[in-house]
Amino acid sequence: MSFEIFEKLEAKVQQAIDMITLLHMEIEELKEKNFALTQEVHIASANHESLLRDNKKLQEEQLIWQDRLRALLGKIEKV
C-alpha cells in the first residue's frame, strides 16, 4: 500500500516538474517577445520623432510659401 502511495506521489512530483519546465519555457518565450516588442517600440518612437521633425520643417516651409504668395498677391493688387 505504501508503494502505491509513493508511486502516486512520484507521479504528482513528475507532473509538477513537467509543469514547471513548461512554464519556464513559456517565460523565456515571453521574455523574447517582450524584447522584440520593446525594440519595435524604440524604432516606432524614433520614427515618430523623425516624422515630427519633418512635419515641423514642412509647416515652416508652408508658412514661407504663404508669405511669398501673399507678397505676390499684394504686388498684383497694386498693378
Protein backbone atom coordinates (compact mmCIF):
# COMPACT_ATOMS: atom_id res chain seq x y z
CA MET A 1 0.00 0.00 0.00
CA SER A 2 2.74 2.47 0.84
CA PHE A 3 4.34 1.60 -2.50
CA GLU A 4 1.17 2.75 -4.33
CA ILE A 5 1.13 5.98 -2.38
CA PHE A 6 4.79 6.51 -3.21
CA GLU A 7 4.06 5.91 -6.92
CA LYS A 8 1.17 8.41 -6.84
CA LEU A 9 3.37 10.94 -5.07
CA GLU A 10 6.14 10.34 -7.59
CA ALA A 11 3.68 10.85 -10.47
CA LYS A 12 2.45 14.10 -8.95
CA VAL A 13 6.02 15.31 -8.43
CA GLN A 14 6.81 14.46 -12.05
CA GLN A 15 3.69 16.35 -13.19
CA ALA A 16 4.80 19.34 -11.15
CA ILE A 17 8.29 19.18 -12.64
CA ASP A 18 6.84 18.96 -16.16
CA MET A 19 4.55 21.91 -15.49
CA ILE A 20 7.42 23.97 -14.06
CA THR A 21 9.54 23.13 -17.12
CA LEU A 22 6.75 24.20 -19.47
CA LEU A 23 6.23 27.40 -17.51
CA HIS A 24 9.94 28.18 -17.67
CA MET A 25 9.87 27.67 -21.44
CA GLU A 26 6.83 29.93 -21.69
CA ILE A 27 8.56 32.58 -19.57
CA GLU A 28 11.59 32.50 -21.87
CA GLU A 29 9.35 32.79 -24.92
CA LEU A 30 7.51 35.74 -23.38
CA LYS A 31 10.81 37.41 -22.50
CA GLU A 32 11.91 37.11 -26.13
CA LYS A 33 8.60 38.53 -27.35
CA ASN A 34 8.86 41.34 -24.83
CA PHE A 35 12.37 42.17 -26.03
CA ALA A 36 11.22 42.18 -29.66
CA LEU A 37 8.26 44.40 -28.83
CA THR A 38 10.48 46.75 -26.85
CA GLN A 39 12.75 47.06 -29.88
CA GLU A 40 9.71 47.78 -32.08
CA VAL A 41 8.61 50.48 -29.65
CA HIS A 42 12.04 52.12 -29.77
CA ILE A 43 12.03 52.04 -33.57
CA ALA A 44 8.50 53.42 -33.71
CA SER A 45 9.44 56.16 -31.25
CA ALA A 46 12.46 57.13 -33.35
CA ASN A 47 10.29 57.16 -36.47
CA HIS A 48 7.72 59.27 -34.66
CA GLU A 49 10.36 61.80 -33.65
CA SER A 50 11.66 61.92 -37.20
CA LEU A 51 8.15 62.47 -38.56
CA LEU A 52 7.55 65.25 -36.04
CA ARG A 53 10.74 66.98 -37.17
CA ASP A 54 9.78 66.57 -40.83
CA ASN A 55 6.29 67.88 -40.12
CA LYS A 56 7.66 70.94 -38.35
CA LYS A 57 10.04 71.61 -41.23
CA LEU A 58 7.22 71.28 -43.76
CA GLN A 59 4.99 73.59 -41.72
CA GLU A 60 7.76 76.20 -41.65
CA GLU A 61 8.23 75.85 -45.40
CA GLN A 62 4.48 76.21 -45.88
CA LEU A 63 4.50 79.45 -43.89
CA ILE A 64 7.35 80.78 -46.03
CA TRP A 65 5.44 79.95 -49.23
CA GLN A 66 2.28 81.51 -47.85
CA ASP A 67 4.19 84.71 -47.07
CA ARG A 68 5.68 84.73 -50.57
CA LEU A 69 2.28 84.14 -52.12
CA ARG A 70 0.75 86.97 -50.09
CA ALA A 71 3.56 89.25 -51.16
CA LEU A 72 2.98 88.35 -54.82
CA LEU A 73 -0.76 88.85 -54.45
CA GLY A 74 -0.09 92.23 -52.86
CA LYS A 75 2.05 93.22 -55.82
CA ILE A 76 -0.63 92.05 -58.24
CA GLU A 77 -3.28 94.10 -56.44
CA LYS A 78 -1.11 97.19 -56.73
CA VAL A 79 -0.93 96.81 -60.50
